[in-house]
Protein backbone atom coordinates (compact mmCIF):
# COMPACT_ATOMS: atom_id res chain seq x y z
CA UNK A 1 25.21 -136.15 157.45
CA UNK A 2 24.92 -139.28 155.33
CA UNK A 3 22.23 -139.29 152.67
CA UNK A 4 19.24 -141.58 153.05
CA UNK A 5 17.88 -140.86 149.59
CA UNK A 6 17.35 -143.85 147.28
CA UNK A 7 20.12 -144.69 144.84
CA UNK A 8 18.87 -144.72 141.25
CA UNK A 9 20.28 -146.79 138.41
CA UNK A 10 19.08 -146.83 134.81
CA UNK A 11 17.75 -150.06 133.34
CA UNK A 12 17.25 -150.35 129.59
CA UNK A 13 15.70 -153.75 128.86
CA UNK A 14 13.22 -154.20 126.04
CA UNK A 15 9.78 -155.55 126.83
CA UNK A 16 8.93 -155.59 123.14
CA UNK A 17 10.70 -156.15 119.85
CA UNK A 18 13.01 -158.74 118.33
CA UNK A 19 15.25 -159.31 121.35
CA UNK A 20 12.71 -158.77 124.12
CA UNK A 21 12.76 -162.37 125.38
CA UNK A 22 16.48 -162.13 126.12
CA UNK A 23 16.35 -158.58 127.42
CA UNK A 24 13.58 -159.47 129.86
CA UNK A 25 15.89 -162.19 131.13
CA UNK A 26 18.42 -159.42 131.79
CA UNK A 27 15.65 -157.44 133.49
CA UNK A 28 14.85 -160.36 135.81
CA UNK A 29 18.53 -160.71 136.71
CA UNK A 30 18.79 -157.03 137.58
CA UNK A 31 15.51 -156.95 139.50
CA UNK A 32 16.36 -160.10 141.46
CA UNK A 33 19.72 -158.64 142.47
CA UNK A 34 18.17 -155.28 143.43
CA UNK A 35 15.59 -157.00 145.62
CA UNK A 36 18.29 -159.08 147.32
CA UNK A 37 20.39 -155.97 147.93
CA UNK A 38 17.43 -154.11 149.44
CA UNK A 39 16.41 -157.09 151.59
CA UNK A 40 19.80 -156.98 153.30
CA UNK A 41 19.47 -153.26 154.01
CA UNK A 42 20.25 -151.61 150.70
CA UNK A 43 23.54 -149.85 150.02
CA UNK A 44 24.82 -148.19 153.19
CA UNK A 45 21.21 -148.09 154.39
CA UNK A 46 19.89 -146.56 151.16
CA UNK A 47 17.34 -148.27 148.93
CA UNK A 48 18.45 -149.19 145.41
CA UNK A 49 15.83 -148.50 142.75
CA UNK A 50 15.83 -148.91 138.98
CA UNK A 51 14.44 -146.39 136.52
CA UNK A 52 13.38 -148.71 133.72
CA UNK A 53 12.45 -147.84 130.15
CA UNK A 54 11.50 -150.08 127.23
CA UNK A 55 13.69 -149.36 124.17
CA UNK A 56 11.62 -151.85 122.14
CA UNK A 57 14.78 -153.49 120.71
CA UNK A 58 15.50 -150.29 118.79
CA UNK A 59 19.11 -148.97 118.88
CA UNK A 60 17.98 -145.37 118.35
CA UNK A 61 15.67 -145.69 121.36
CA UNK A 62 18.56 -147.05 123.44
CA UNK A 63 20.57 -143.94 122.59
CA UNK A 64 17.72 -141.53 123.29
CA UNK A 65 16.66 -143.24 126.52
CA UNK A 66 20.25 -143.39 127.79
CA UNK A 67 20.42 -139.61 127.36
CA UNK A 68 17.04 -139.23 129.05
CA UNK A 69 18.19 -141.29 132.04
CA UNK A 70 21.25 -139.05 132.42
CA UNK A 71 19.68 -135.65 131.80
CA UNK A 72 16.10 -136.06 133.06
CA UNK A 73 16.42 -138.77 135.72
CA UNK A 74 19.85 -137.90 137.07
CA UNK A 75 21.18 -141.43 136.65
CA UNK A 76 24.94 -142.02 136.70
CA UNK A 77 25.04 -145.76 135.95
CA UNK A 78 23.05 -147.53 133.23
CA UNK A 79 22.55 -151.29 132.91
CA UNK A 80 21.29 -152.80 129.69
CA UNK A 81 21.67 -153.45 126.00
CA UNK A 82 21.55 -156.81 124.23
CA UNK A 83 22.71 -156.32 120.66
CA UNK A 84 26.06 -154.77 119.86
CA UNK A 85 24.17 -152.19 117.83
CA UNK A 86 22.38 -151.03 120.98
CA UNK A 87 25.67 -150.87 122.89
CA UNK A 88 27.34 -148.85 120.13
CA UNK A 89 24.36 -146.49 120.16
CA UNK A 90 24.76 -145.85 123.90
CA UNK A 91 28.56 -145.64 123.90
CA UNK A 92 28.92 -142.02 122.67
CA UNK A 93 26.20 -140.92 125.12
CA UNK A 94 27.92 -142.28 128.24
CA UNK A 95 31.27 -140.99 126.99
CA UNK A 96 29.85 -137.53 126.31
CA UNK A 97 28.40 -137.17 129.83
CA UNK A 98 31.10 -139.30 131.54
CA UNK A 99 28.64 -141.86 132.88
CA UNK A 100 29.01 -145.62 133.29
CA UNK A 101 27.34 -148.28 131.13
CA UNK A 102 27.32 -151.88 132.38
CA UNK A 103 26.81 -154.08 129.32
CA UNK A 104 25.94 -157.57 130.53
CA UNK A 105 25.97 -159.47 127.25
CA UNK A 106 28.51 -161.71 125.56
CA UNK A 107 29.65 -160.02 122.38
CA UNK A 108 32.15 -160.04 119.50
CA UNK A 109 35.00 -158.31 121.36
CA UNK A 110 37.37 -155.75 119.79
CA UNK A 111 36.09 -152.80 121.80
CA UNK A 112 37.14 -150.75 124.82
CA UNK A 113 35.73 -147.70 126.55
CA UNK A 114 36.64 -146.00 129.82
CA UNK A 115 32.89 -145.71 130.38
CA UNK A 116 31.82 -149.34 129.88
CA UNK A 117 32.12 -152.54 131.91
CA UNK A 118 31.73 -155.56 129.60
CA UNK A 119 30.39 -158.38 131.77
CA UNK A 120 29.52 -161.02 129.18
CA UNK A 121 31.93 -163.43 127.52
CA UNK A 122 34.70 -162.24 125.23
CA UNK A 123 35.41 -164.38 122.13
CA UNK A 124 38.31 -166.14 123.88
CA UNK A 125 35.85 -167.31 126.55
CA UNK A 126 33.30 -169.00 124.31
CA UNK A 127 34.31 -168.99 120.62
CA UNK A 128 37.69 -170.66 121.08
CA UNK A 129 36.20 -173.38 123.27
CA UNK A 130 33.32 -174.01 120.88
CA UNK A 131 35.69 -174.27 117.91
CA UNK A 132 37.91 -176.72 119.83
CA UNK A 133 35.03 -178.95 120.85
CA UNK A 134 33.18 -178.95 117.55
CA UNK A 135 36.24 -179.57 115.34
CA UNK A 136 37.43 -182.39 117.59
CA UNK A 137 34.00 -184.00 117.72
CA UNK A 138 32.46 -183.35 114.30
CA UNK A 139 35.03 -181.82 111.93
CA UNK A 140 35.98 -178.42 110.57
CA UNK A 141 33.79 -178.00 107.47
CA UNK A 142 31.26 -175.41 108.62
CA UNK A 143 28.20 -173.55 107.36
CA UNK A 144 27.63 -170.13 108.98
CA UNK A 145 24.26 -168.46 109.41
CA UNK A 146 23.65 -165.24 111.32
CA UNK A 147 21.51 -162.17 111.73
CA UNK A 148 22.38 -159.12 109.67
CA UNK A 149 24.25 -156.76 112.00
CA UNK A 150 27.67 -156.26 113.57
CA UNK A 151 27.82 -159.11 116.14
CA UNK A 152 27.23 -162.00 113.70
CA UNK A 153 29.59 -160.55 111.10
CA UNK A 154 32.41 -160.11 113.61
CA UNK A 155 31.75 -163.41 115.40
CA UNK A 156 31.86 -165.29 112.11
CA UNK A 157 35.09 -163.55 111.14
CA UNK A 158 36.72 -164.68 114.39
CA UNK A 159 35.33 -168.21 114.07
CA UNK A 160 36.56 -168.42 110.49
CA UNK A 161 40.09 -167.50 111.59
CA UNK A 162 39.99 -170.29 114.18
CA UNK A 163 38.54 -172.88 111.82
CA UNK A 164 41.05 -172.19 109.08
CA UNK A 165 43.85 -173.08 111.50
CA UNK A 166 42.54 -176.65 111.20
CA UNK A 167 44.05 -178.66 108.31
CA UNK A 168 40.56 -179.52 107.02
CA UNK A 169 38.96 -176.20 107.90
CA UNK A 170 36.53 -174.82 105.31
CA UNK A 171 33.59 -172.41 105.26
CA UNK A 172 30.98 -174.01 103.00
CA UNK A 173 28.41 -171.24 103.25
CA UNK A 174 27.80 -167.90 104.95
CA UNK A 175 24.32 -166.39 105.05
CA UNK A 176 22.81 -163.45 106.94
CA UNK A 177 19.12 -162.76 107.48
CA UNK A 178 17.28 -159.81 108.94
CA UNK A 179 16.36 -159.72 112.63
CA UNK A 180 12.80 -159.61 111.26
CA UNK A 181 13.29 -162.55 108.86
CA UNK A 182 10.35 -164.83 108.11
CA UNK A 183 10.24 -168.56 108.83
CA UNK A 184 10.31 -169.50 105.16
CA UNK A 185 13.62 -167.69 104.69
CA UNK A 186 15.23 -170.13 107.11
CA UNK A 187 13.71 -173.04 105.21
CA UNK A 188 15.50 -171.77 102.09
CA UNK A 189 18.84 -171.56 103.91
CA UNK A 190 18.40 -175.03 105.38
CA UNK A 191 17.86 -176.35 101.83
CA UNK A 192 21.25 -174.87 100.90
CA UNK A 193 22.78 -176.56 103.96
CA UNK A 194 21.52 -179.90 102.65
CA UNK A 195 23.37 -179.31 99.39
CA UNK A 196 26.61 -178.25 101.09
CA UNK A 197 26.53 -181.00 103.79
CA UNK A 198 28.78 -179.34 106.41
CA UNK A 199 30.12 -181.10 109.48
CA UNK A 200 28.23 -178.61 111.64
CA UNK A 201 26.39 -175.30 111.48
CA UNK A 202 27.59 -172.21 113.32
CA UNK A 203 24.64 -170.00 114.25
CA UNK A 204 24.81 -166.34 115.20
CA UNK A 205 21.09 -165.91 114.61
CA UNK A 206 19.69 -163.58 117.27
CA UNK A 207 16.41 -162.87 119.01
CA UNK A 208 12.98 -164.05 117.99
CA UNK A 209 14.25 -165.70 114.79
CA UNK A 210 16.46 -168.23 116.64
CA UNK A 211 13.62 -170.79 116.95
CA UNK A 212 12.92 -170.44 113.21
CA UNK A 213 16.37 -171.84 112.37
CA UNK A 214 16.16 -174.80 114.73
CA UNK A 215 12.60 -175.63 113.71
CA UNK A 216 13.49 -175.47 110.00
CA UNK A 217 16.43 -177.78 110.73
CA UNK A 218 14.12 -180.27 112.48
CA UNK A 219 11.51 -180.10 109.70
CA UNK A 220 14.25 -180.91 107.18
CA UNK A 221 14.91 -184.16 109.03
CA UNK A 222 18.53 -183.39 109.89
CA UNK A 223 20.25 -185.34 112.68
CA UNK A 224 22.03 -183.34 115.45
CA UNK A 225 24.26 -186.32 116.22
CA UNK A 226 25.76 -186.01 112.73
CA UNK A 227 25.42 -182.34 111.71
CA UNK A 228 24.44 -180.22 114.74
CA UNK A 229 23.94 -176.51 115.20
CA UNK A 230 26.45 -174.81 117.50
CA UNK A 231 26.04 -171.30 118.90
CA UNK A 232 27.43 -168.77 121.37
CA UNK A 233 24.06 -167.19 122.15
CA UNK A 234 21.31 -169.82 121.95
CA UNK A 235 20.27 -170.13 125.59
CA UNK A 236 17.64 -171.84 127.71
CA UNK A 237 15.24 -169.00 126.89
CA UNK A 238 15.36 -169.62 123.12
CA UNK A 239 15.24 -173.41 123.65
CA UNK A 240 11.99 -172.99 125.61
CA UNK A 241 10.52 -170.91 122.78
CA UNK A 242 11.13 -173.66 120.18
CA UNK A 243 8.41 -176.01 119.02
CA UNK A 244 8.56 -179.79 119.42
CA UNK A 245 11.89 -179.85 121.24
CA UNK A 246 13.74 -178.53 118.19
CA UNK A 247 16.73 -177.44 120.26
CA UNK A 248 17.52 -180.86 121.69
CA UNK A 249 20.95 -182.23 120.78
CA UNK A 250 22.46 -178.90 119.71
CA UNK A 251 25.39 -177.10 121.34
CA UNK A 252 26.13 -173.76 122.98
CA UNK A 253 29.32 -172.40 124.54
CA UNK A 254 28.78 -169.99 127.44
CA UNK A 255 30.13 -169.27 130.93
CA UNK A 256 26.75 -170.05 132.48
CA UNK A 257 23.93 -172.56 132.12
CA UNK A 258 21.04 -173.04 134.52
CA UNK A 259 22.36 -176.54 135.19
CA UNK A 260 25.71 -175.28 136.58
CA UNK A 261 26.43 -177.08 139.84
CA UNK A 262 27.54 -174.41 142.32
CA UNK A 263 26.03 -173.46 145.71
CA UNK A 264 25.57 -169.87 144.49
CA UNK A 265 23.64 -171.03 141.45
CA UNK A 266 21.38 -173.36 143.44
CA UNK A 267 20.54 -170.57 145.89
CA UNK A 268 19.90 -168.02 143.13
CA UNK A 269 17.70 -170.49 141.23
CA UNK A 270 15.50 -171.05 144.30
CA UNK A 271 15.07 -167.31 144.79
CA UNK A 272 14.38 -166.79 141.07
CA UNK A 273 11.69 -169.47 141.01
CA UNK A 274 10.05 -168.03 144.11
CA UNK A 275 10.00 -164.55 142.56
CA UNK A 276 9.23 -165.26 138.88
CA UNK A 277 7.79 -168.79 138.86
CA UNK A 278 9.31 -172.21 138.15
CA UNK A 279 8.58 -172.09 134.41
CA UNK A 280 10.83 -169.07 133.79
CA UNK A 281 14.32 -170.25 132.80
CA UNK A 282 17.64 -168.83 133.84
CA UNK A 283 20.22 -168.17 131.14
CA UNK A 284 23.54 -166.44 130.47
CA UNK A 285 21.77 -163.10 130.05
CA UNK A 286 20.11 -163.34 133.46
CA UNK A 287 23.32 -164.38 135.18
CA UNK A 288 25.58 -161.59 133.95
CA UNK A 289 22.94 -158.94 134.72
CA UNK A 290 22.45 -160.49 138.17
CA UNK A 291 26.06 -160.56 139.29
CA UNK A 292 26.93 -157.15 137.83
CA UNK A 293 24.21 -155.46 139.90
CA UNK A 294 25.63 -157.09 143.00
CA UNK A 295 29.16 -155.98 142.03
CA UNK A 296 27.93 -152.42 141.53
CA UNK A 297 26.33 -152.44 145.00
CA UNK A 298 29.52 -153.69 146.65
CA UNK A 299 31.59 -151.06 144.85
CA UNK A 300 29.18 -148.29 145.86
CA UNK A 301 29.35 -149.38 149.51
CA UNK A 302 33.10 -148.78 149.49
CA UNK A 303 33.15 -145.70 147.24
CA UNK A 304 30.16 -144.01 148.85
CA UNK A 305 29.18 -142.66 145.43
CA UNK A 306 28.34 -143.76 141.90
CA UNK A 307 30.28 -140.89 140.33
CA UNK A 308 32.44 -142.67 137.78
CA UNK A 309 35.67 -141.27 139.22
CA UNK A 310 34.77 -142.71 142.63
CA UNK A 311 33.18 -146.05 141.76
CA UNK A 312 35.34 -147.19 138.85
CA UNK A 313 38.47 -147.79 141.00
CA UNK A 314 36.31 -150.02 143.23
CA UNK A 315 34.92 -151.97 140.26
CA UNK A 316 38.21 -152.55 138.45
CA UNK A 317 39.81 -155.66 139.88
CA UNK A 318 36.70 -156.51 141.92
CA UNK A 319 35.65 -160.13 142.40
CA UNK A 320 32.28 -161.75 143.13
CA UNK A 321 31.03 -165.27 143.81
CA UNK A 322 28.62 -165.45 140.84
CA UNK A 323 26.42 -168.44 139.98
CA UNK A 324 28.99 -169.58 137.38
CA UNK A 325 31.96 -169.26 139.79
CA UNK A 326 34.12 -166.47 141.17
CA UNK A 327 34.37 -163.77 138.50
CA UNK A 328 36.67 -160.75 138.29
CA UNK A 329 36.68 -157.46 136.39
CA UNK A 330 39.95 -157.01 134.55
CA UNK A 331 41.39 -153.63 135.61
CA UNK A 332 43.04 -153.04 132.23
CA UNK A 333 40.40 -153.92 129.62
CA UNK A 334 37.15 -153.71 131.69
CA UNK A 335 36.08 -157.24 130.69
CA UNK A 336 35.45 -160.23 132.95
CA UNK A 337 37.44 -163.30 133.91
CA UNK A 338 34.83 -166.05 133.39
CA UNK A 339 34.36 -169.84 133.30
CA UNK A 340 33.92 -171.14 129.74
CA UNK A 341 31.65 -174.15 129.29
CA UNK A 342 30.27 -176.18 126.40
CA UNK A 343 26.76 -177.59 126.81
CA UNK A 344 24.39 -179.75 124.79
CA UNK A 345 20.66 -179.02 124.97
CA UNK A 346 18.66 -181.95 126.31
CA UNK A 347 15.04 -183.01 126.11
CA UNK A 348 14.20 -181.05 129.28
CA UNK A 349 15.21 -177.75 127.70
CA UNK A 350 18.35 -177.53 129.83
CA UNK A 351 22.01 -177.95 128.90
CA UNK A 352 24.15 -180.91 129.88
CA UNK A 353 27.62 -179.49 130.51
CA UNK A 354 30.18 -181.48 128.50
CA UNK A 355 33.29 -179.38 129.08
CA UNK A 356 34.06 -176.65 131.57
CA UNK A 357 36.96 -174.62 132.90
CA UNK A 358 38.13 -175.30 136.45
CA UNK A 359 39.55 -171.79 136.65
CA UNK A 360 38.41 -168.36 135.52
CA UNK A 361 39.82 -167.59 132.06
CA UNK A 362 41.12 -164.00 131.75
CA UNK A 363 39.47 -161.93 129.01
CA UNK A 364 41.32 -161.35 125.75
CA UNK A 365 38.74 -159.28 123.84
CA UNK A 366 41.17 -158.52 121.01
CA UNK A 367 42.10 -162.20 120.54
CA UNK A 368 45.79 -161.33 120.69
CA UNK A 369 46.94 -164.68 122.06
CA UNK A 370 44.31 -167.25 121.09
CA UNK A 371 44.72 -170.19 118.74
CA UNK A 372 42.77 -173.37 118.18
CA UNK A 373 43.73 -175.81 120.93
CA UNK A 374 45.33 -173.12 123.11
CA UNK A 375 46.10 -174.58 126.55
CA UNK A 376 44.96 -171.37 128.28
CA UNK A 377 41.37 -171.99 127.22
CA UNK A 378 41.37 -175.81 127.24
CA UNK A 379 38.45 -177.22 129.17
CA UNK A 380 38.15 -180.33 131.31
CA UNK A 381 36.06 -182.97 129.56
CA UNK A 382 33.07 -184.83 130.91
CA UNK A 383 31.77 -188.03 129.36
CA UNK A 384 30.32 -187.34 125.92
C-alpha cells in the first residue's frame, strides 16, 4: 500500500547573521516551490514539508544542523547553504551518511561530490561573460575587492587568469575584508582605488557588507560610467539594501535577474508577490532554490523515493522550465546548464539585461576549456 505520510526535506537558510538577507531569499524560493507543489496535490498525493533550521550564517552550525536533520529528523535531502564555507562544512556530513545536498548558489567551481547537486552558476557561466563584457567596454586594468574566505579568493584567481589573457590586463590591487567588516574599512579601500585608478572594480564582497562598498564608492564621488563595480553575486536584494541608489549603474553577471522576460518568470513573479508582498525582490538565489525544489519533486514522483540511490538517476540529466529558461542537470559533473546574462543595475533597483545567452551553456566547473572571448560562452548583445 502506497504511503500517505508527508515527505520531509531539510532546509538550512539563515534568518540571522551576515548572509541572512540572501539566505532568506533562498528560503522564499524553496517555500514558494513547496506551496506550488502541494497546491497541485503534492508528490504522488503526499504533502511536501520542510524542516527548517536557522544556522545563523555560521558554517559550524550548518554542519551540526545537517547532521541533526539526518539523524534526528530522518531527512534524506537537504537544501541550503550560501557561502562556500557552509557548503564545505556540510559536504563531509552528507557523504558520511550518503544523503543528498542541493546547493543552490553560484560558487567558485572546482568541486565535485556524488552527494551534491550544484544548481547555481559555475565560473564559465558568469565569470567568463563578465570578463568579456567588462574588458570590451571599459578595459582590463582591474582592482579586486572581496570578503575573506574561500569563494572570493578562488573567484579572483579565476578572474585574474582571464584578465591576464588580455594584452593590457593588469591587477592593480587585491584586498580582502572580513564578513563583519566595518563601513570605514571600505572607505579606506576606496581611497586606495582612487590612487590606483583602475578601469573597473571586481567585487566578491559578500553578505551584509556589500552595500558598504557601493555606498563608499558613491560617497567618494566615483562615476560608474567610467569606473564601475562589476560582480557575480550583487543581486536585487543587495541593491535594495543600499542607501541613496548606490547600486545604480553597476554590473552583475548571473543566469537570472527579476527582469528576465520569460512566461515562467512572469508567472512566478506574480505568485511571489501575492505570497510575500510586492516589495520583496526576486534574485538569483531565489530562482535557483525555486527551480531545484521543483526538480526534486519531479524526480521523486518518478523514483517513488528520496533515497539517494533511487532519486539521483532521476535528477541527473533532468530538465525543467525555470524562470531563466530551460535548465538541465549535467549527469557527469552534477552542475547545471544555465543561461548567462550581464545586467546593469538601474534606478528602479532592477537590472537591465545587456547581454544574454540564447541557449543553455553547459557547466565547466573546472574551467578546462574556457578562454576570454570563447565562442561557447559568447552572449548576444542588446543596445548598450
